[in-house]
Amino acid sequence: QVQFVESGGGWVQPGGSLRLSCAASGSIFSMYAMGWYRQAPDKERESVASITSGGSTNYADSVKGRFTISRDSAGNTMYLQMNSLKPEDTAVYYCNRIPYISYWGQGTQVTVYS
């Protein structure tokens, strides 16, 4: 069974940057597309970025031009570079395959404040 471990979150002022990392077990990167999701208090989980095993990417309109997703298939590691952060980016960020599976990691908290 695949496992996900997210890291890299923290507190940052608006306009700042963070880089999130996701470690995944198995050969998931060579078999499935992967994605970053986020969930803010009192809101449903939403997809923010995705990447295929071949490197094709897609982004939610709210983060286009600010976030960059990348992955290392050999190391089973995925990244989310977040620039020009806004308060509305505050959420717990998770990684998973696409289509997502029932098991979710702990997530990593991103808090943007002034």
N, C-alpha and C. Protein backbone atom coordinates (compact mmCIF):
# COMPACT_ATOMS: atom_id res chain seq x y z
N GLN A 1 0.84 -1.19 0.00
CA GLN A 1 0.00 0.00 0.00
C GLN A 1 0.88 1.24 0.00
N VAL A 2 0.53 2.22 -0.82
CA VAL A 2 1.32 3.43 -0.94
C VAL A 2 1.16 4.30 0.30
N GLN A 3 2.22 5.02 0.67
CA GLN A 3 2.20 5.98 1.77
C GLN A 3 2.71 7.32 1.27
N PHE A 4 2.17 8.40 1.84
CA PHE A 4 2.57 9.76 1.48
C PHE A 4 3.05 10.50 2.72
N VAL A 5 4.14 11.24 2.57
CA VAL A 5 4.68 12.06 3.65
C VAL A 5 4.96 13.45 3.09
N GLU A 6 4.20 14.45 3.58
CA GLU A 6 4.35 15.83 3.13
C GLU A 6 5.20 16.61 4.13
N SER A 7 5.96 17.58 3.63
CA SER A 7 6.78 18.41 4.49
C SER A 7 7.05 19.75 3.82
N GLY A 8 7.58 20.70 4.58
CA GLY A 8 7.98 21.99 4.02
C GLY A 8 7.08 23.15 4.35
N GLY A 9 5.95 22.91 5.00
CA GLY A 9 5.04 23.99 5.33
C GLY A 9 5.56 24.86 6.46
N GLY A 10 4.83 25.94 6.74
CA GLY A 10 5.21 26.85 7.80
C GLY A 10 4.43 28.14 7.72
N TRP A 11 4.90 29.14 8.49
CA TRP A 11 4.29 30.48 8.48
C TRP A 11 5.12 31.40 7.60
N VAL A 12 4.44 32.19 6.77
CA VAL A 12 5.12 33.11 5.87
C VAL A 12 4.25 34.34 5.65
N GLN A 13 4.86 35.50 5.43
CA GLN A 13 4.12 36.71 5.15
C GLN A 13 3.65 36.75 3.70
N PRO A 14 2.58 37.49 3.41
CA PRO A 14 2.14 37.61 2.02
C PRO A 14 3.28 38.05 1.10
N GLY A 15 3.34 37.43 -0.07
CA GLY A 15 4.41 37.70 -1.01
C GLY A 15 5.61 36.79 -0.85
N GLY A 16 5.65 36.01 0.22
CA GLY A 16 6.75 35.10 0.47
C GLY A 16 6.64 33.81 -0.31
N SER A 17 7.60 32.91 -0.09
CA SER A 17 7.68 31.66 -0.82
C SER A 17 7.91 30.48 0.11
N LEU A 18 7.42 29.32 -0.30
CA LEU A 18 7.66 28.06 0.38
C LEU A 18 7.81 26.97 -0.67
N ARG A 19 8.55 25.92 -0.33
CA ARG A 19 8.68 24.75 -1.20
C ARG A 19 8.25 23.51 -0.43
N LEU A 20 7.19 22.87 -0.87
CA LEU A 20 6.68 21.67 -0.24
C LEU A 20 7.26 20.43 -0.91
N SER A 21 7.45 19.37 -0.13
CA SER A 21 7.94 18.10 -0.64
C SER A 21 6.97 16.99 -0.30
N CYS A 22 6.90 16.00 -1.17
CA CYS A 22 6.06 14.82 -0.96
C CYS A 22 6.86 13.59 -1.28
N ALA A 23 7.01 12.70 -0.32
CA ALA A 23 7.66 11.41 -0.52
C ALA A 23 6.60 10.34 -0.62
N ALA A 24 6.69 9.49 -1.63
CA ALA A 24 5.71 8.44 -1.85
C ALA A 24 6.41 7.10 -2.00
N SER A 25 5.80 6.06 -1.46
CA SER A 25 6.36 4.73 -1.54
C SER A 25 5.99 4.05 -2.85
N GLY A 26 6.71 2.98 -3.19
CA GLY A 26 6.41 2.21 -4.37
C GLY A 26 6.83 2.88 -5.66
N SER A 27 6.24 2.42 -6.75
CA SER A 27 6.53 2.94 -8.08
C SER A 27 5.41 3.83 -8.59
N ILE A 28 4.81 4.58 -7.70
CA ILE A 28 3.61 5.35 -8.03
C ILE A 28 3.86 6.39 -9.13
N PHE A 29 5.04 7.02 -9.14
CA PHE A 29 5.30 8.08 -10.11
C PHE A 29 5.38 7.56 -11.54
N SER A 30 5.75 6.31 -11.72
CA SER A 30 5.83 5.73 -13.05
C SER A 30 4.52 5.15 -13.53
N MET A 31 3.53 5.06 -12.64
CA MET A 31 2.27 4.42 -12.96
C MET A 31 1.08 5.38 -13.00
N TYR A 32 1.13 6.48 -12.25
CA TYR A 32 -0.01 7.39 -12.13
C TYR A 32 0.43 8.84 -12.21
N ALA A 33 -0.52 9.68 -12.58
CA ALA A 33 -0.33 11.11 -12.38
C ALA A 33 -0.38 11.40 -10.88
N MET A 34 0.24 12.50 -10.47
CA MET A 34 0.26 12.89 -9.06
C MET A 34 -0.27 14.31 -8.92
N GLY A 35 -0.75 14.63 -7.72
CA GLY A 35 -1.30 15.96 -7.52
C GLY A 35 -1.11 16.47 -6.10
N TRP A 36 -1.17 17.79 -5.97
CA TRP A 36 -1.22 18.46 -4.69
C TRP A 36 -2.65 18.94 -4.45
N TYR A 37 -3.12 18.75 -3.23
CA TYR A 37 -4.44 19.16 -2.80
C TYR A 37 -4.31 20.02 -1.56
N ARG A 38 -5.32 20.83 -1.27
CA ARG A 38 -5.30 21.62 -0.05
C ARG A 38 -6.70 21.71 0.54
N GLN A 39 -6.75 21.88 1.85
CA GLN A 39 -8.02 22.01 2.55
C GLN A 39 -7.90 23.07 3.62
N ALA A 40 -8.72 24.10 3.51
CA ALA A 40 -8.78 25.17 4.49
C ALA A 40 -9.93 24.88 5.46
N PRO A 41 -9.90 25.48 6.67
CA PRO A 41 -11.00 25.27 7.61
C PRO A 41 -12.35 25.63 6.99
N ASP A 42 -13.33 24.77 7.23
CA ASP A 42 -14.70 24.98 6.76
C ASP A 42 -14.82 24.94 5.24
N LYS A 43 -13.84 24.38 4.56
CA LYS A 43 -13.89 24.24 3.11
C LYS A 43 -13.57 22.81 2.72
N GLU A 44 -14.06 22.39 1.56
CA GLU A 44 -13.76 21.06 1.06
C GLU A 44 -12.36 21.02 0.46
N ARG A 45 -11.78 19.83 0.43
CA ARG A 45 -10.48 19.65 -0.17
C ARG A 45 -10.55 19.97 -1.67
N GLU A 46 -9.54 20.66 -2.19
CA GLU A 46 -9.52 21.02 -3.59
C GLU A 46 -8.17 20.69 -4.21
N SER A 47 -8.17 20.40 -5.50
CA SER A 47 -6.95 20.15 -6.24
C SER A 47 -6.33 21.48 -6.65
N VAL A 48 -5.01 21.60 -6.48
CA VAL A 48 -4.33 22.83 -6.85
C VAL A 48 -3.34 22.64 -7.99
N ALA A 49 -2.79 21.44 -8.15
CA ALA A 49 -1.82 21.19 -9.21
C ALA A 49 -1.69 19.70 -9.46
N SER A 50 -1.34 19.32 -10.69
CA SER A 50 -1.15 17.92 -11.03
C SER A 50 0.00 17.78 -12.01
N ILE A 51 0.56 16.57 -12.05
CA ILE A 51 1.65 16.27 -12.98
C ILE A 51 1.58 14.81 -13.36
N THR A 52 1.76 14.51 -14.65
CA THR A 52 1.75 13.14 -15.13
C THR A 52 3.13 12.53 -15.00
N SER A 53 3.22 11.21 -15.21
CA SER A 53 4.51 10.54 -15.16
C SER A 53 5.45 11.06 -16.25
N GLY A 54 4.88 11.61 -17.33
CA GLY A 54 5.67 12.19 -18.40
C GLY A 54 6.04 13.64 -18.20
N GLY A 55 5.52 14.27 -17.14
CA GLY A 55 5.88 15.64 -16.83
C GLY A 55 4.89 16.70 -17.25
N SER A 56 3.75 16.32 -17.82
CA SER A 56 2.73 17.29 -18.18
C SER A 56 2.05 17.82 -16.92
N THR A 57 1.86 19.15 -16.83
CA THR A 57 1.33 19.77 -15.62
C THR A 57 0.03 20.51 -15.87
N ASN A 58 -0.72 20.70 -14.80
CA ASN A 58 -1.95 21.47 -14.84
C ASN A 58 -2.13 22.15 -13.49
N TYR A 59 -2.80 23.32 -13.48
CA TYR A 59 -2.95 24.10 -12.26
C TYR A 59 -4.36 24.66 -12.13
N ALA A 60 -4.79 24.81 -10.89
CA ALA A 60 -6.02 25.52 -10.63
C ALA A 60 -5.83 26.99 -11.01
N ASP A 61 -6.90 27.64 -11.45
CA ASP A 61 -6.80 29.03 -11.87
C ASP A 61 -6.27 29.93 -10.75
N SER A 62 -6.59 29.60 -9.51
CA SER A 62 -6.21 30.43 -8.38
C SER A 62 -4.70 30.46 -8.12
N VAL A 63 -3.95 29.49 -8.65
CA VAL A 63 -2.51 29.42 -8.38
C VAL A 63 -1.65 29.53 -9.63
N LYS A 64 -2.26 29.62 -10.80
CA LYS A 64 -1.49 29.71 -12.04
C LYS A 64 -0.56 30.91 -12.02
N GLY A 65 0.67 30.69 -12.44
CA GLY A 65 1.67 31.75 -12.45
C GLY A 65 2.39 31.93 -11.15
N ARG A 66 1.92 31.29 -10.07
CA ARG A 66 2.54 31.43 -8.76
C ARG A 66 3.12 30.11 -8.24
N PHE A 67 2.46 28.99 -8.54
CA PHE A 67 2.89 27.68 -8.06
C PHE A 67 3.49 26.88 -9.21
N THR A 68 4.48 26.03 -8.90
CA THR A 68 5.09 25.14 -9.88
C THR A 68 5.21 23.75 -9.28
N ILE A 69 4.63 22.75 -9.96
CA ILE A 69 4.71 21.37 -9.51
C ILE A 69 5.80 20.65 -10.29
N SER A 70 6.53 19.78 -9.63
CA SER A 70 7.56 18.97 -10.29
C SER A 70 7.66 17.64 -9.56
N ARG A 71 8.29 16.67 -10.20
CA ARG A 71 8.44 15.36 -9.58
C ARG A 71 9.71 14.67 -10.02
N ASP A 72 10.21 13.80 -9.15
CA ASP A 72 11.38 12.99 -9.41
C ASP A 72 10.92 11.54 -9.37
N SER A 73 10.73 10.93 -10.53
CA SER A 73 10.21 9.56 -10.59
C SER A 73 11.17 8.55 -9.97
N ALA A 74 12.47 8.75 -10.16
CA ALA A 74 13.46 7.83 -9.63
C ALA A 74 13.46 7.81 -8.11
N GLY A 75 13.28 9.01 -7.50
CA GLY A 75 13.30 9.11 -6.05
C GLY A 75 11.93 9.10 -5.40
N ASN A 76 10.87 8.98 -6.21
CA ASN A 76 9.51 9.01 -5.69
C ASN A 76 9.27 10.24 -4.82
N THR A 77 9.69 11.38 -5.31
CA THR A 77 9.53 12.65 -4.61
C THR A 77 8.87 13.67 -5.53
N MET A 78 7.93 14.42 -4.98
CA MET A 78 7.24 15.47 -5.71
C MET A 78 7.37 16.78 -4.94
N TYR A 79 7.36 17.91 -5.67
CA TYR A 79 7.55 19.21 -5.06
C TYR A 79 6.47 20.18 -5.50
N LEU A 80 6.24 21.18 -4.67
CA LEU A 80 5.37 22.29 -5.02
C LEU A 80 6.06 23.57 -4.60
N GLN A 81 6.59 24.31 -5.57
CA GLN A 81 7.20 25.61 -5.31
C GLN A 81 6.10 26.66 -5.31
N MET A 82 5.94 27.35 -4.20
CA MET A 82 4.87 28.34 -4.04
C MET A 82 5.49 29.72 -3.87
N ASN A 83 5.22 30.61 -4.82
CA ASN A 83 5.71 31.97 -4.78
C ASN A 83 4.55 32.95 -4.69
N SER A 84 4.85 34.18 -4.31
CA SER A 84 3.84 35.23 -4.20
C SER A 84 2.63 34.76 -3.40
N LEU A 85 2.88 34.17 -2.25
CA LEU A 85 1.81 33.59 -1.45
C LEU A 85 0.83 34.64 -0.94
N LYS A 86 -0.43 34.25 -0.89
CA LYS A 86 -1.52 35.11 -0.45
C LYS A 86 -2.19 34.50 0.78
N PRO A 87 -2.87 35.31 1.60
CA PRO A 87 -3.58 34.76 2.76
C PRO A 87 -4.56 33.65 2.39
N GLU A 88 -5.18 33.74 1.23
CA GLU A 88 -6.13 32.72 0.81
C GLU A 88 -5.48 31.39 0.46
N ASP A 89 -4.15 31.34 0.42
CA ASP A 89 -3.44 30.08 0.22
C ASP A 89 -3.30 29.29 1.52
N THR A 90 -3.69 29.88 2.64
CA THR A 90 -3.60 29.21 3.93
C THR A 90 -4.46 27.95 3.94
N ALA A 91 -3.84 26.80 4.22
CA ALA A 91 -4.53 25.52 4.20
C ALA A 91 -3.56 24.43 4.60
N VAL A 92 -4.09 23.22 4.81
CA VAL A 92 -3.25 22.04 4.95
C VAL A 92 -3.09 21.45 3.55
N TYR A 93 -1.85 21.22 3.15
CA TYR A 93 -1.55 20.73 1.81
C TYR A 93 -1.22 19.24 1.85
N TYR A 94 -1.82 18.48 0.93
CA TYR A 94 -1.65 17.04 0.84
C TYR A 94 -1.20 16.66 -0.57
N CYS A 95 -0.54 15.51 -0.69
CA CYS A 95 -0.23 14.94 -1.99
C CYS A 95 -0.91 13.59 -2.12
N ASN A 96 -1.20 13.20 -3.36
CA ASN A 96 -1.83 11.93 -3.63
C ASN A 96 -1.71 11.64 -5.13
N ARG A 97 -2.01 10.43 -5.51
CA ARG A 97 -2.04 10.10 -6.93
C ARG A 97 -3.35 10.58 -7.53
N ILE A 98 -3.44 10.54 -8.87
CA ILE A 98 -4.66 10.88 -9.58
C ILE A 98 -5.04 9.70 -10.46
N PRO A 99 -6.20 9.10 -10.27
CA PRO A 99 -7.22 9.43 -9.28
C PRO A 99 -6.73 9.11 -7.87
N TYR A 100 -7.16 9.92 -6.89
CA TYR A 100 -6.66 9.77 -5.54
C TYR A 100 -7.15 8.46 -4.91
N ILE A 101 -6.39 7.96 -3.94
CA ILE A 101 -6.75 6.77 -3.19
C ILE A 101 -7.20 7.17 -1.79
N SER A 102 -7.79 6.22 -1.07
CA SER A 102 -8.41 6.52 0.21
C SER A 102 -7.40 6.96 1.27
N TYR A 103 -6.17 6.47 1.21
CA TYR A 103 -5.18 6.82 2.22
C TYR A 103 -4.57 8.20 1.93
N TRP A 104 -4.64 9.09 2.94
CA TRP A 104 -4.02 10.41 2.87
C TRP A 104 -2.96 10.52 3.95
N GLY A 105 -1.90 11.28 3.66
CA GLY A 105 -0.87 11.51 4.65
C GLY A 105 -1.31 12.53 5.68
N GLN A 106 -0.39 12.94 6.54
CA GLN A 106 -0.69 13.93 7.58
C GLN A 106 -0.90 15.33 7.01
N GLY A 107 -0.34 15.60 5.85
CA GLY A 107 -0.40 16.94 5.28
C GLY A 107 0.61 17.86 5.94
N THR A 108 0.80 19.04 5.36
CA THR A 108 1.68 20.04 5.94
C THR A 108 0.97 21.39 5.93
N GLN A 109 1.00 22.08 7.07
CA GLN A 109 0.26 23.32 7.24
C GLN A 109 1.00 24.50 6.62
N VAL A 110 0.30 25.26 5.80
CA VAL A 110 0.82 26.50 5.23
C VAL A 110 -0.05 27.64 5.74
N THR A 111 0.56 28.60 6.42
CA THR A 111 -0.15 29.74 6.96
C THR A 111 0.47 31.03 6.43
N VAL A 112 -0.33 31.84 5.76
CA VAL A 112 0.12 33.10 5.18
C VAL A 112 -0.59 34.23 5.91
N TYR A 113 0.18 35.15 6.52
CA TYR A 113 -0.41 36.22 7.31
C TYR A 113 0.47 37.46 7.25
N SER A 114 -0.12 38.60 7.55
CA SER A 114 0.60 39.85 7.58
C SER A 114 0.59 40.46 8.98
